[in-house]
Amino acid sequence: MSTPQYLETPQGRRIAHHLTEGAQPGVVFLGGFRSDMTGTKAVHLEDWAKARGRAFLRLDYSGHGASSGDFLEGAIGDWAEDAIAAIDALTEGPQVLVGSSMGGWIALLVARTLPERVAGLVGIAAAPDFTEDGMWAEFSGEQRRELMADGRIALPSDYSDEPYIITRRLIEDGRDHLVLRAPLALPFPVRLLQGSADTDVPVSVAMRLFEHAESPDLRLTLVKGADHRFSDPDCLELIGRTLAELGL
């Protein structure tokens, strides 16, 4: 694995990234909650882009992977700032954003902030507003009281023996960055890819985003049996095919 490069953001965070030079528009991969840029989809898409001579950027948000910062001190707004800073400093012209899970929410925030820098958007099990709709809404009254009083709660994880620590700041900051409560204009092609067996981000989330967003070319593809990882060979092929259909 090659050594990452680093970008100092305007907020003083040090963001690890891998940048592949190539034809424009480039592709930017935005990963999920507690994920990093060494995941299967990120590395596969980098290989896909290199094989086609296409520019490609993958990065770790602050508190993730090789970037600076403590994960528990971060929140949606910080990670969106990291993505915006990286796209602004490291890419040229409009980019196609590929957002996985939380990265789908980050991609929507990037698109809302820098619409002129987005040529298209691919959401893979996109999870907009999940801190409010997928966490806070499902917390019990006792969990809500604990979170507000102690500033954090621990939740079991399906992917690790270590629990998820959810902070009060994550929830409160998430409320400042919701995208499904007001008009969401996406003036470029949008593709949403969703597995029917996803237990982390259910199909209803994809349908809500599909119905809510305003785009001249918006399509949702539902893959029977695919789970939240969306990383088996067929799913990876579908992601590449989707990008190719967007003209890449």
Protein backbone atom coordinates (compact mmCIF):
# COMPACT_ATOMS: atom_id res chain seq x y z
CA MET A 1 0.00 0.00 0.00
CA SER A 2 1.43 3.35 -1.02
CA THR A 3 2.06 6.11 1.50
CA PRO A 4 -0.70 8.73 1.59
CA GLN A 5 -0.22 12.40 0.97
CA TYR A 6 -1.53 15.00 3.44
CA LEU A 7 -3.55 18.18 3.09
CA GLU A 8 -3.77 20.85 5.77
CA THR A 9 -7.35 22.16 5.74
CA PRO A 10 -8.40 25.74 6.54
CA GLN A 11 -9.66 24.38 9.88
CA GLY A 12 -6.18 23.05 10.74
CA ARG A 13 -6.94 19.37 10.21
CA ARG A 14 -4.45 17.08 8.44
CA ILE A 15 -6.27 14.98 5.85
CA ALA A 16 -4.66 11.83 4.45
CA HIS A 17 -5.46 11.10 0.83
CA HIS A 18 -4.43 9.33 -2.34
CA LEU A 19 -4.73 11.31 -5.56
CA THR A 20 -4.47 9.77 -9.01
CA GLU A 21 -3.91 12.19 -11.87
CA GLY A 22 -5.92 11.65 -15.02
CA ALA A 23 -8.70 12.80 -17.30
CA GLN A 24 -11.53 14.97 -16.05
CA PRO A 25 -14.11 14.85 -14.72
CA GLY A 26 -12.47 12.93 -11.92
CA VAL A 27 -14.06 10.64 -9.37
CA VAL A 28 -14.03 11.34 -5.62
CA PHE A 29 -14.79 8.50 -3.21
CA LEU A 30 -16.32 9.46 0.14
CA GLY A 31 -16.40 6.68 2.71
CA GLY A 32 -18.69 5.83 5.56
CA PHE A 33 -18.92 6.28 9.32
CA ARG A 34 -15.74 4.92 10.98
CA SER A 35 -14.52 3.64 7.59
CA ASP A 36 -11.28 4.59 5.91
CA MET A 37 -9.91 4.94 2.38
CA THR A 38 -8.36 1.45 2.34
CA GLY A 39 -11.75 -0.27 2.06
CA THR A 40 -12.73 -2.59 -0.78
CA LYS A 41 -14.85 -0.10 -2.71
CA ALA A 42 -12.33 2.74 -2.46
CA VAL A 43 -9.40 0.64 -3.66
CA HIS A 44 -11.47 -1.06 -6.37
CA LEU A 45 -12.61 2.28 -7.75
CA GLU A 46 -9.06 3.61 -7.73
CA ASP A 47 -8.00 0.62 -9.85
CA TRP A 48 -11.04 1.18 -12.07
CA ALA A 49 -10.09 4.84 -12.59
CA LYS A 50 -6.41 4.07 -13.25
CA ALA A 51 -7.35 1.50 -15.89
CA ARG A 52 -9.29 4.22 -17.72
CA GLY A 53 -6.85 7.07 -17.20
CA ARG A 54 -9.39 8.86 -15.02
CA ALA A 55 -8.49 11.20 -12.14
CA PHE A 56 -9.43 9.75 -8.76
CA LEU A 57 -9.33 10.93 -5.14
CA ARG A 58 -9.91 8.97 -1.95
CA LEU A 59 -9.45 10.43 1.50
CA ASP A 60 -9.81 9.86 5.22
CA TYR A 61 -11.96 12.35 7.12
CA SER A 62 -10.42 13.73 10.30
CA GLY A 63 -10.51 11.14 13.07
CA HIS A 64 -10.60 8.37 10.45
CA GLY A 65 -7.80 6.21 9.09
CA ALA A 66 -4.48 8.02 8.67
CA SER A 67 -5.84 11.56 9.13
CA SER A 68 -5.33 13.69 12.23
CA GLY A 69 -7.83 14.02 15.02
CA ASP A 70 -9.86 11.94 17.44
CA PHE A 71 -12.91 10.24 15.91
CA LEU A 72 -15.00 10.93 19.01
CA GLU A 73 -14.41 14.66 18.69
CA GLY A 74 -15.65 14.75 15.08
CA ALA A 75 -19.08 15.26 13.57
CA ILE A 76 -20.85 15.47 10.22
CA GLY A 77 -20.04 19.14 9.69
CA ASP A 78 -16.32 18.54 10.28
CA TRP A 79 -16.20 15.65 7.84
CA ALA A 80 -18.09 17.60 5.20
CA GLU A 81 -15.56 20.43 5.65
CA ASP A 82 -12.75 17.92 5.16
CA ALA A 83 -14.28 16.65 1.92
CA ILE A 84 -14.94 20.18 0.63
CA ALA A 85 -11.37 21.27 1.44
CA ALA A 86 -9.91 18.23 -0.34
CA ILE A 87 -12.06 18.67 -3.43
CA ASP A 88 -11.31 22.39 -3.55
CA ALA A 89 -7.55 21.98 -3.16
CA LEU A 90 -6.82 18.71 -4.94
CA THR A 91 -9.20 18.48 -7.91
CA GLU A 92 -9.94 20.54 -10.98
CA GLY A 93 -13.35 21.26 -12.40
CA PRO A 94 -16.52 19.26 -11.79
CA GLN A 95 -16.14 15.83 -10.15
CA VAL A 96 -18.33 12.75 -9.88
CA LEU A 97 -18.89 12.06 -6.18
CA VAL A 98 -19.27 8.46 -5.03
CA GLY A 99 -20.57 8.39 -1.47
CA SER A 100 -20.89 5.18 0.54
CA SER A 101 -23.30 5.12 3.51
CA MET A 102 -22.45 8.26 5.54
CA GLY A 103 -20.37 9.30 2.53
CA GLY A 104 -23.64 9.65 0.64
CA TRP A 105 -24.72 12.29 3.16
CA ILE A 106 -21.32 13.96 2.90
CA ALA A 107 -21.62 13.95 -0.91
CA LEU A 108 -25.01 15.68 -0.67
CA LEU A 109 -23.53 18.34 1.62
CA VAL A 110 -20.66 18.86 -0.82
CA ALA A 111 -23.14 19.18 -3.67
CA ARG A 112 -25.21 21.69 -1.71
CA THR A 113 -22.11 23.77 -0.96
CA LEU A 114 -20.24 23.42 -4.26
CA PRO A 115 -22.85 22.59 -6.92
CA GLU A 116 -20.63 23.94 -9.68
CA ARG A 117 -17.96 21.39 -8.73
CA VAL A 118 -20.21 18.34 -9.11
CA ALA A 119 -20.68 16.58 -12.45
CA GLY A 120 -22.65 13.67 -11.01
CA LEU A 121 -23.34 11.77 -7.81
CA VAL A 122 -23.49 8.05 -7.04
CA GLY A 123 -24.87 7.07 -3.65
CA ILE A 124 -24.12 3.55 -2.40
CA ALA A 125 -26.50 2.75 0.47
CA ALA A 126 -26.54 6.49 1.06
CA ALA A 127 -27.44 7.44 4.64
CA PRO A 128 -28.51 11.10 4.76
CA ASP A 129 -29.65 12.41 8.14
CA PHE A 130 -28.83 9.08 9.84
CA THR A 131 -27.82 10.69 13.14
CA GLU A 132 -31.37 11.99 13.53
CA ASP A 133 -33.45 9.34 11.76
CA GLY A 134 -31.33 6.25 12.36
CA MET A 135 -29.91 7.01 15.81
CA TRP A 136 -31.81 9.61 17.83
CA ALA A 137 -35.19 8.41 16.57
CA GLU A 138 -34.41 4.87 17.71
CA PHE A 139 -32.89 5.71 21.09
CA SER A 140 -34.97 4.87 24.13
CA GLY A 141 -35.88 7.60 26.58
CA GLU A 142 -33.17 6.31 28.93
CA GLN A 143 -30.55 6.39 26.16
CA ARG A 144 -31.51 9.95 25.26
CA ARG A 145 -31.22 11.06 28.86
CA GLU A 146 -27.84 9.35 29.22
CA LEU A 147 -26.55 10.95 26.04
CA MET A 148 -27.63 14.43 27.06
CA ALA A 149 -26.33 14.06 30.62
CA ASP A 150 -23.04 12.25 29.97
CA GLY A 151 -22.28 13.50 26.46
CA ARG A 152 -22.03 9.99 25.01
CA ILE A 153 -23.51 6.50 24.95
CA ALA A 154 -22.13 3.12 23.83
CA LEU A 155 -23.97 1.03 21.24
CA PRO A 156 -23.17 -2.54 20.12
CA SER A 157 -21.54 -2.89 16.69
CA ASP A 158 -22.24 -5.57 14.08
CA TYR A 159 -18.77 -5.08 12.64
CA SER A 160 -16.51 -5.03 15.70
CA ASP A 161 -16.21 -6.31 19.26
CA GLU A 162 -15.76 -2.70 20.29
CA PRO A 163 -18.99 -0.74 20.81
CA TYR A 164 -19.93 2.35 18.85
CA ILE A 165 -19.54 5.44 20.99
CA ILE A 166 -22.11 8.03 19.97
CA THR A 167 -21.53 11.55 21.22
CA ARG A 168 -23.97 14.31 21.98
CA ARG A 169 -22.02 16.55 19.60
CA LEU A 170 -22.51 14.07 16.73
CA ILE A 171 -26.26 14.19 17.20
CA GLU A 172 -26.52 17.95 17.71
CA ASP A 173 -24.17 18.79 14.85
CA GLY A 174 -26.05 16.37 12.62
CA ARG A 175 -29.19 18.46 13.14
CA ASP A 176 -27.39 21.45 11.65
CA HIS A 177 -26.64 19.49 8.46
CA LEU A 178 -29.87 17.65 7.66
CA VAL A 179 -30.67 17.44 3.93
CA LEU A 180 -34.10 15.79 3.86
CA ARG A 181 -36.03 18.56 5.63
CA ALA A 182 -35.77 21.23 2.93
CA PRO A 183 -35.63 21.22 -0.88
CA LEU A 184 -32.57 19.35 -2.16
CA ALA A 185 -31.60 20.50 -5.63
CA LEU A 186 -29.14 18.21 -7.42
CA PRO A 187 -28.75 19.72 -10.92
CA PHE A 188 -26.74 16.82 -12.36
CA PRO A 189 -27.19 13.06 -12.91
CA VAL A 190 -27.74 11.07 -9.70
CA ARG A 191 -27.58 7.30 -9.29
CA LEU A 192 -28.60 5.58 -6.06
CA LEU A 193 -27.48 1.98 -5.52
CA GLN A 194 -29.12 0.05 -2.70
CA GLY A 195 -29.12 -3.54 -1.46
CA SER A 196 -32.42 -5.14 -0.48
CA ALA A 197 -30.73 -7.02 2.39
CA ASP A 198 -29.13 -3.91 3.91
CA THR A 199 -29.96 -3.94 7.63
CA ASP A 200 -27.97 -0.76 8.43
CA VAL A 201 -29.56 1.56 5.87
CA PRO A 202 -32.94 0.12 4.88
CA VAL A 203 -34.51 0.47 1.46
CA SER A 204 -36.94 3.03 2.91
CA VAL A 205 -34.02 5.49 3.27
CA ALA A 206 -33.14 5.14 -0.41
CA MET A 207 -36.79 5.63 -1.35
CA ARG A 208 -37.07 8.73 0.82
CA LEU A 209 -34.00 10.28 -0.80
CA PHE A 210 -35.26 9.25 -4.24
CA GLU A 211 -38.60 10.94 -3.65
CA HIS A 212 -37.14 14.03 -1.97
CA ALA A 213 -34.24 15.03 -4.21
CA GLU A 214 -34.76 17.21 -7.26
CA SER A 215 -32.64 16.13 -10.24
CA PRO A 216 -33.07 16.14 -14.01
CA ASP A 217 -31.77 12.55 -14.13
CA LEU A 218 -32.26 10.53 -10.95
CA ARG A 219 -32.37 6.72 -10.88
CA LEU A 220 -32.50 4.17 -8.08
CA THR A 221 -31.18 0.63 -8.57
CA LEU A 222 -32.22 -1.96 -6.00
CA VAL A 223 -30.04 -5.08 -5.86
CA LYS A 224 -31.79 -8.13 -4.45
CA GLY A 225 -29.80 -9.79 -1.68
CA ALA A 226 -27.03 -7.19 -1.47
CA ASP A 227 -26.08 -6.10 2.05
CA HIS A 228 -24.72 -2.83 3.42
CA ARG A 229 -21.14 -3.52 2.41
CA PHE A 230 -22.15 -3.64 -1.28
CA SER A 231 -18.67 -5.03 -2.01
CA ASP A 232 -19.10 -8.44 -3.62
CA PRO A 233 -17.86 -8.78 -7.23
CA ASP A 234 -21.29 -8.18 -8.75
CA CYS A 235 -21.84 -5.03 -6.70
CA LEU A 236 -18.38 -3.69 -7.53
CA GLU A 237 -19.03 -4.34 -11.20
CA LEU A 238 -22.34 -2.49 -10.93
CA ILE A 239 -20.62 0.55 -9.39
CA GLY A 240 -18.13 0.65 -12.27
CA ARG A 241 -20.88 0.17 -14.83
CA THR A 242 -22.88 2.98 -13.24
CA LEU A 243 -19.92 5.34 -13.52
CA ALA A 244 -19.42 4.31 -17.14
CA GLU A 245 -23.07 5.09 -17.87
CA LEU A 246 -22.40 8.60 -16.54
CA GLY A 247 -19.84 9.02 -19.29
CA LEU A 248 -16.67 8.07 -17.40
